[in-house]
């Protein structure tokens, strides 16, 4: 298992979730979900099928349950598929996110992050496939700026777009297979991650690479802040795998896991920003925050990265 540490003090919460739009996103999300009928049952883990009985948090009436086998986190009961489709394609929130103003602001805030991500991807592709240009699919993208940046990457021969969110246009006539599939921050909105990975495998050449990222439910800030974690809410977050569940998911769908890391930068910053919203029973974290030692927080973030305990997960897998 790769051990990874990277600290960048230039990256701020506002780069990932700009306050001037993120609060509106959350309000529109709440408007959509607050009157939905929610089952009180707890369904088995959607990947390994293990029965679940323990819930970590409740947000806007939705419970999130823990898989006892892998420590992944997902909704205790899933909404109907058409509800999720409406949320992402037909809701007021989806129209807001598809607006040019929103897309331009995200580009402004994340352009440097995307450049670094492409640099990381280039290194992985060079290591596992070689220095060449390849047919690439971006699967489930939602940011125009990301797709445009990916299209100019040094390893891209031709870029195809599948199952994207508005305002990105899908590739209407793609019937072949690709050398690389990018699945960036998509898994967390999936009702059936097993089916998704099986569909992806069908579009990937043998020996081709899947490069994926998503929120990890086993991440330190989520486990600590629970319902006070502002960056987690339904229905943006349905399925939040742990590294263990991600490996299990890939193995079940025909992939060989090559590397998995959690190079998150924000766990300790999210906890610091939570202030008095840190749950009262988290005495150790309250003590750490009371010390006001930023260098200590940096070292703790490095520990989380090295041991795959952060809440941002990314991996590289090869189709067998």
Protein backbone atom coordinates (compact mmCIF):
# COMPACT_ATOMS: atom_id res chain seq x y z
CA UNK A 1 0.00 0.00 0.00
CA UNK A 2 1.43 3.38 -1.03
CA UNK A 3 2.18 5.84 1.77
CA UNK A 4 1.58 9.40 0.68
CA UNK A 5 2.05 12.78 2.31
CA UNK A 6 1.55 16.15 0.66
CA UNK A 7 0.92 19.45 2.40
CA UNK A 8 -0.07 22.58 0.48
CA UNK A 9 -1.01 25.55 2.64
CA UNK A 10 -2.16 27.50 -0.44
CA UNK A 11 -5.26 25.32 -0.84
CA UNK A 12 -8.20 26.68 1.12
CA UNK A 13 -11.75 25.57 1.82
CA UNK A 14 -13.01 28.33 -0.49
CA UNK A 15 -11.16 26.74 -3.43
CA UNK A 16 -13.24 23.58 -3.08
CA UNK A 17 -16.49 25.01 -1.74
CA UNK A 18 -16.70 28.77 -2.42
CA UNK A 19 -18.92 30.26 0.29
CA UNK A 20 -20.79 32.52 -2.13
CA UNK A 21 -22.21 29.50 -4.00
CA UNK A 22 -21.86 26.56 -1.61
CA UNK A 23 -24.43 27.85 0.87
CA UNK A 24 -26.90 28.27 -1.99
CA UNK A 25 -26.14 24.73 -3.20
CA UNK A 26 -26.89 23.36 0.24
CA UNK A 27 -30.11 25.37 0.51
CA UNK A 28 -31.32 24.12 -2.88
CA UNK A 29 -30.35 20.55 -1.95
CA UNK A 30 -32.28 20.84 1.32
CA UNK A 31 -35.32 22.26 -0.52
CA UNK A 32 -35.33 19.15 -2.71
CA UNK A 33 -34.85 16.46 -0.06
CA UNK A 34 -36.47 17.79 3.12
CA UNK A 35 -39.98 16.53 2.34
CA UNK A 36 -39.01 13.22 0.73
CA UNK A 37 -40.44 10.11 2.35
CA UNK A 38 -37.53 8.27 3.95
CA UNK A 39 -37.61 4.64 4.99
CA UNK A 40 -36.43 3.94 8.52
CA UNK A 41 -34.99 0.55 7.56
CA UNK A 42 -31.27 0.02 7.20
CA UNK A 43 -30.44 -1.85 4.01
CA UNK A 44 -27.31 -4.04 3.69
CA UNK A 45 -24.07 -2.58 2.41
CA UNK A 46 -24.61 -1.85 -1.33
CA UNK A 47 -21.27 -3.44 -2.26
CA UNK A 48 -20.48 -6.40 -0.01
CA UNK A 49 -24.05 -7.12 1.13
CA UNK A 50 -23.12 -7.15 4.83
CA UNK A 51 -26.01 -6.39 7.19
CA UNK A 52 -25.67 -2.96 8.84
CA UNK A 53 -27.04 -1.85 12.19
CA UNK A 54 -24.89 1.11 13.24
CA UNK A 55 -25.48 4.66 12.01
CA UNK A 56 -22.82 7.36 12.18
CA UNK A 57 -24.88 10.44 11.48
CA UNK A 58 -28.27 11.80 10.47
CA UNK A 59 -28.45 14.70 8.02
CA UNK A 60 -31.68 16.37 6.90
CA UNK A 61 -33.66 13.30 7.98
CA UNK A 62 -31.37 10.84 6.15
CA UNK A 63 -29.38 8.32 8.19
CA UNK A 64 -25.89 7.20 7.11
CA UNK A 65 -24.96 3.66 8.14
CA UNK A 66 -21.55 2.02 8.53
CA UNK A 67 -20.61 -1.29 6.91
CA UNK A 68 -19.18 -3.42 9.75
CA UNK A 69 -16.89 -5.25 7.32
CA UNK A 70 -15.24 -2.34 5.49
CA UNK A 71 -16.20 0.82 7.46
CA UNK A 72 -17.67 2.41 4.35
CA UNK A 73 -20.51 4.87 4.83
CA UNK A 74 -23.69 5.22 2.79
CA UNK A 75 -27.34 6.13 3.18
CA UNK A 76 -29.11 3.69 5.48
CA UNK A 77 -31.98 3.48 2.97
CA UNK A 78 -31.71 4.51 -0.66
CA UNK A 79 -34.21 6.74 -2.48
CA UNK A 80 -35.84 5.65 -5.73
CA UNK A 81 -33.71 5.98 -8.86
CA UNK A 82 -36.05 8.54 -10.46
CA UNK A 83 -35.69 10.78 -7.38
CA UNK A 84 -31.91 10.80 -7.77
CA UNK A 85 -32.24 11.41 -11.53
CA UNK A 86 -34.48 14.42 -10.92
CA UNK A 87 -32.07 15.74 -8.30
CA UNK A 88 -29.12 15.73 -10.70
CA UNK A 89 -30.84 16.58 -13.98
CA UNK A 90 -34.12 18.42 -13.40
CA UNK A 91 -34.00 20.17 -10.03
CA UNK A 92 -33.45 23.85 -9.34
CA UNK A 93 -30.07 22.83 -7.93
CA UNK A 94 -29.07 21.11 -11.17
CA UNK A 95 -30.05 24.21 -13.17
CA UNK A 96 -28.02 26.41 -10.84
CA UNK A 97 -24.95 24.18 -11.20
CA UNK A 98 -25.32 24.15 -14.96
CA UNK A 99 -25.36 27.94 -15.16
CA UNK A 100 -22.44 29.72 -16.78
CA UNK A 101 -21.88 31.82 -13.65
CA UNK A 102 -21.49 28.74 -11.49
CA UNK A 103 -19.25 26.93 -13.96
CA UNK A 104 -17.03 29.98 -14.43
CA UNK A 105 -16.59 30.43 -10.68
CA UNK A 106 -15.65 26.78 -10.20
CA UNK A 107 -13.10 27.10 -13.01
CA UNK A 108 -11.60 30.18 -11.38
CA UNK A 109 -11.29 28.44 -8.02
CA UNK A 110 -10.16 24.97 -9.14
CA UNK A 111 -8.01 25.58 -12.20
CA UNK A 112 -4.74 25.14 -10.30
CA UNK A 113 -6.07 22.06 -8.51
CA UNK A 114 -7.04 20.49 -11.82
CA UNK A 115 -3.60 21.18 -13.27
CA UNK A 116 -2.01 19.36 -10.33
CA UNK A 117 -4.44 16.50 -10.69
CA UNK A 118 -3.60 16.13 -14.37
CA UNK A 119 0.08 16.10 -13.47
CA UNK A 120 -0.56 13.26 -11.01
CA UNK A 121 -2.58 11.38 -13.65
CA UNK A 122 0.17 11.82 -16.23
CA UNK A 123 2.65 10.22 -13.83
CA UNK A 124 0.38 7.23 -13.20
CA UNK A 125 -0.34 6.74 -16.89
CA UNK A 126 3.34 6.94 -17.76
CA UNK A 127 4.12 4.33 -15.09
CA UNK A 128 1.43 1.81 -15.98
CA UNK A 129 0.82 2.35 -19.72
CA UNK A 130 3.80 4.29 -21.06
CA UNK A 131 4.40 7.70 -22.59
CA UNK A 132 1.92 7.85 -25.45
CA UNK A 133 -1.45 9.33 -26.35
CA UNK A 134 -4.57 7.35 -25.56
CA UNK A 135 -8.31 7.17 -26.03
CA UNK A 136 -9.79 8.54 -22.80
CA UNK A 137 -13.34 8.59 -21.40
CA UNK A 138 -14.38 11.11 -18.78
CA UNK A 139 -17.29 9.37 -17.03
CA UNK A 140 -19.88 11.35 -15.09
CA UNK A 141 -18.20 14.75 -15.26
CA UNK A 142 -20.02 17.86 -14.04
CA UNK A 143 -17.53 20.70 -14.54
CA UNK A 144 -16.95 22.15 -18.01
CA UNK A 145 -13.57 23.48 -16.93
CA UNK A 146 -12.39 20.02 -15.87
CA UNK A 147 -13.41 18.44 -19.17
CA UNK A 148 -11.73 21.18 -21.17
CA UNK A 149 -8.54 20.84 -19.11
CA UNK A 150 -8.53 17.06 -19.53
CA UNK A 151 -8.99 17.41 -23.28
CA UNK A 152 -5.68 19.29 -23.50
CA UNK A 153 -3.68 16.80 -21.37
CA UNK A 154 -0.51 15.40 -22.91
CA UNK A 155 -1.76 11.80 -22.72
CA UNK A 156 -5.10 12.38 -24.49
CA UNK A 157 -5.41 11.28 -28.13
CA UNK A 158 -9.21 11.56 -28.16
CA UNK A 159 -11.56 12.41 -25.31
CA UNK A 160 -15.05 10.90 -25.05
CA UNK A 161 -17.75 12.00 -22.58
CA UNK A 162 -20.20 9.53 -21.03
CA UNK A 163 -22.96 9.87 -18.41
CA UNK A 164 -22.11 13.50 -17.69
CA UNK A 165 -24.23 15.98 -15.75
CA UNK A 166 -25.56 19.26 -17.22
CA UNK A 167 -24.28 21.34 -18.88
CA UNK A 168 -21.71 18.88 -20.33
CA UNK A 169 -22.74 17.12 -23.52
CA UNK A 170 -22.30 13.34 -23.76
CA UNK A 171 -20.60 11.56 -26.65
CA UNK A 172 -23.65 10.35 -28.52
CA UNK A 173 -22.16 7.68 -30.79
CA UNK A 174 -19.27 6.15 -28.84
CA UNK A 175 -19.49 2.39 -29.27
CA UNK A 176 -15.87 1.32 -28.89
CA UNK A 177 -13.59 0.99 -25.89
CA UNK A 178 -11.00 3.26 -24.34
CA UNK A 179 -7.52 2.93 -22.89
CA UNK A 180 -8.26 5.11 -19.86
CA UNK A 181 -11.45 6.01 -17.99
CA UNK A 182 -11.55 8.90 -15.52
CA UNK A 183 -14.17 8.64 -12.77
CA UNK A 184 -13.65 11.80 -10.75
CA UNK A 185 -15.95 12.40 -7.77
CA UNK A 186 -18.76 10.31 -9.23
CA UNK A 187 -18.99 7.22 -7.01
CA UNK A 188 -20.37 9.20 -4.09
CA UNK A 189 -23.63 9.86 -5.93
CA UNK A 190 -24.19 6.23 -6.99
CA UNK A 191 -27.08 4.02 -5.89
CA UNK A 192 -25.45 0.88 -7.33
CA UNK A 193 -21.66 1.20 -7.49
CA UNK A 194 -21.24 -2.43 -8.53
CA UNK A 195 -23.33 -1.94 -11.67
CA UNK A 196 -21.49 1.29 -12.45
CA UNK A 197 -18.06 -0.35 -12.28
CA UNK A 198 -19.28 -3.25 -14.43
CA UNK A 199 -20.47 -0.81 -17.11
CA UNK A 200 -17.17 1.01 -16.95
CA UNK A 201 -15.24 -2.26 -17.34
CA UNK A 202 -17.19 -3.00 -20.52
CA UNK A 203 -15.97 0.27 -22.06
CA UNK A 204 -12.33 -0.28 -21.12
CA UNK A 205 -9.72 -2.22 -23.09
CA UNK A 206 -8.06 -5.17 -21.39
CA UNK A 207 -5.10 -3.78 -19.49
CA UNK A 208 -6.65 -0.30 -19.59
CA UNK A 209 -6.63 2.02 -16.60
CA UNK A 210 -9.42 3.31 -14.38
CA UNK A 211 -8.43 6.49 -12.53
CA UNK A 212 -10.96 7.36 -9.85
CA UNK A 213 -11.47 9.76 -6.97
CA UNK A 214 -14.31 10.17 -4.46
CA UNK A 215 -15.14 11.13 -0.89
CA UNK A 216 -14.22 8.45 1.64
CA UNK A 217 -16.72 7.78 4.40
CA UNK A 218 -13.94 6.52 6.65
CA UNK A 219 -12.24 9.92 6.48
CA UNK A 220 -11.21 11.56 9.74
CA UNK A 221 -13.25 14.75 9.44
CA UNK A 222 -16.45 12.85 8.60
CA UNK A 223 -15.98 10.30 11.38
CA UNK A 224 -15.24 13.12 13.83
CA UNK A 225 -17.77 15.81 12.92
CA UNK A 226 -20.55 13.40 11.90
CA UNK A 227 -23.75 15.42 11.23
CA UNK A 228 -21.75 18.64 11.71
CA UNK A 229 -19.62 17.85 8.64
CA UNK A 230 -20.77 20.60 6.26
CA UNK A 231 -19.26 18.95 3.19
CA UNK A 232 -21.53 15.87 3.42
CA UNK A 233 -25.24 16.04 2.61
CA UNK A 234 -27.92 14.08 0.73
CA UNK A 235 -28.30 13.52 -2.16
CA UNK A 236 -24.88 14.72 -3.20
CA UNK A 237 -23.46 11.97 -1.01
CA UNK A 238 -25.12 8.58 -1.23
CA UNK A 239 -22.20 6.13 -1.15
CA UNK A 240 -18.89 6.95 0.55
CA UNK A 241 -16.48 4.00 0.34
CA UNK A 242 -13.53 3.35 2.59
CA UNK A 243 -10.22 2.28 0.99
CA UNK A 244 -11.08 -1.31 1.97
CA UNK A 245 -14.48 -1.14 0.27
CA UNK A 246 -12.98 0.48 -2.80
CA UNK A 247 -10.54 -2.41 -3.15
CA UNK A 248 -13.36 -4.94 -2.69
CA UNK A 249 -15.51 -3.12 -5.26
CA UNK A 250 -12.73 -3.13 -7.85
CA UNK A 251 -11.93 -6.80 -7.29
CA UNK A 252 -15.59 -7.73 -7.75
CA UNK A 253 -15.86 -5.92 -11.08
CA UNK A 254 -12.80 -7.21 -12.90
CA UNK A 255 -10.10 -4.75 -11.87
CA UNK A 256 -6.67 -5.13 -10.33
CA UNK A 257 -5.96 -2.36 -7.82
CA UNK A 258 -2.59 -0.77 -8.57
CA UNK A 259 -2.56 1.97 -5.95
CA UNK A 260 -4.91 3.70 -3.55
CA UNK A 261 -4.23 6.78 -1.44
CA UNK A 262 -6.13 9.41 0.51
CA UNK A 263 -4.13 12.58 -0.25
CA UNK A 264 -6.70 14.86 1.35
CA UNK A 265 -5.63 18.29 2.53
CA UNK A 266 -8.72 19.54 4.29
CA UNK A 267 -9.63 17.17 7.16
CA UNK A 268 -7.98 19.18 9.91
CA UNK A 269 -9.02 22.47 8.31
CA UNK A 270 -12.65 21.32 8.28
CA UNK A 271 -12.38 20.37 11.94
CA UNK A 272 -10.71 23.67 12.80
CA UNK A 273 -13.43 25.59 10.94
CA UNK A 274 -16.11 23.64 12.79
CA UNK A 275 -15.09 25.38 16.02
CA UNK A 276 -17.81 24.91 18.63
CA UNK A 277 -19.64 22.50 16.31
CA UNK A 278 -17.15 19.75 17.14
CA UNK A 279 -19.29 17.13 18.95
CA UNK A 280 -19.01 17.46 22.72
CA UNK A 281 -17.85 13.85 23.14
CA UNK A 282 -14.78 14.47 20.95
CA UNK A 283 -12.65 15.56 23.90
CA UNK A 284 -9.30 14.88 22.24
CA UNK A 285 -10.14 16.98 19.18
CA UNK A 286 -11.54 19.77 21.32
CA UNK A 287 -8.29 19.76 23.29
CA UNK A 288 -6.17 19.82 20.11
CA UNK A 289 -8.16 22.74 18.71
CA UNK A 290 -7.93 24.63 21.99
CA UNK A 291 -4.13 24.48 21.74
CA UNK A 292 -4.26 26.58 18.55
CA UNK A 293 -1.12 24.90 17.13
CA UNK A 294 -1.32 25.07 13.31
CA UNK A 295 1.93 23.12 12.89
CA UNK A 296 0.43 20.29 14.93
CA UNK A 297 -2.61 20.27 12.62
CA UNK A 298 -0.32 20.01 9.59
CA UNK A 299 1.48 17.04 11.12
CA UNK A 300 -1.84 15.38 11.93
CA UNK A 301 -2.97 15.89 8.32
CA UNK A 302 0.25 14.24 7.14
CA UNK A 303 -0.46 11.29 9.43
CA UNK A 304 -3.95 10.94 7.94
CA UNK A 305 -2.55 10.98 4.40
CA UNK A 306 0.20 8.44 5.08
CA UNK A 307 -2.22 5.99 6.66
CA UNK A 308 -5.12 6.40 4.19
CA UNK A 309 -7.35 8.02 6.80
CA UNK A 310 -8.29 11.22 4.98
CA UNK A 311 -11.71 11.81 3.44
CA UNK A 312 -10.50 12.28 -0.16
CA UNK A 313 -9.71 8.97 -1.87
CA UNK A 314 -8.12 8.34 -5.25
CA UNK A 315 -6.99 5.15 -6.90
CA UNK A 316 -5.61 3.60 -10.05
CA UNK A 317 -6.80 0.18 -11.23
CA UNK A 318 -6.15 -1.98 -14.29
CA UNK A 319 -8.78 -4.02 -16.10
CA UNK A 320 -7.78 -7.64 -15.91
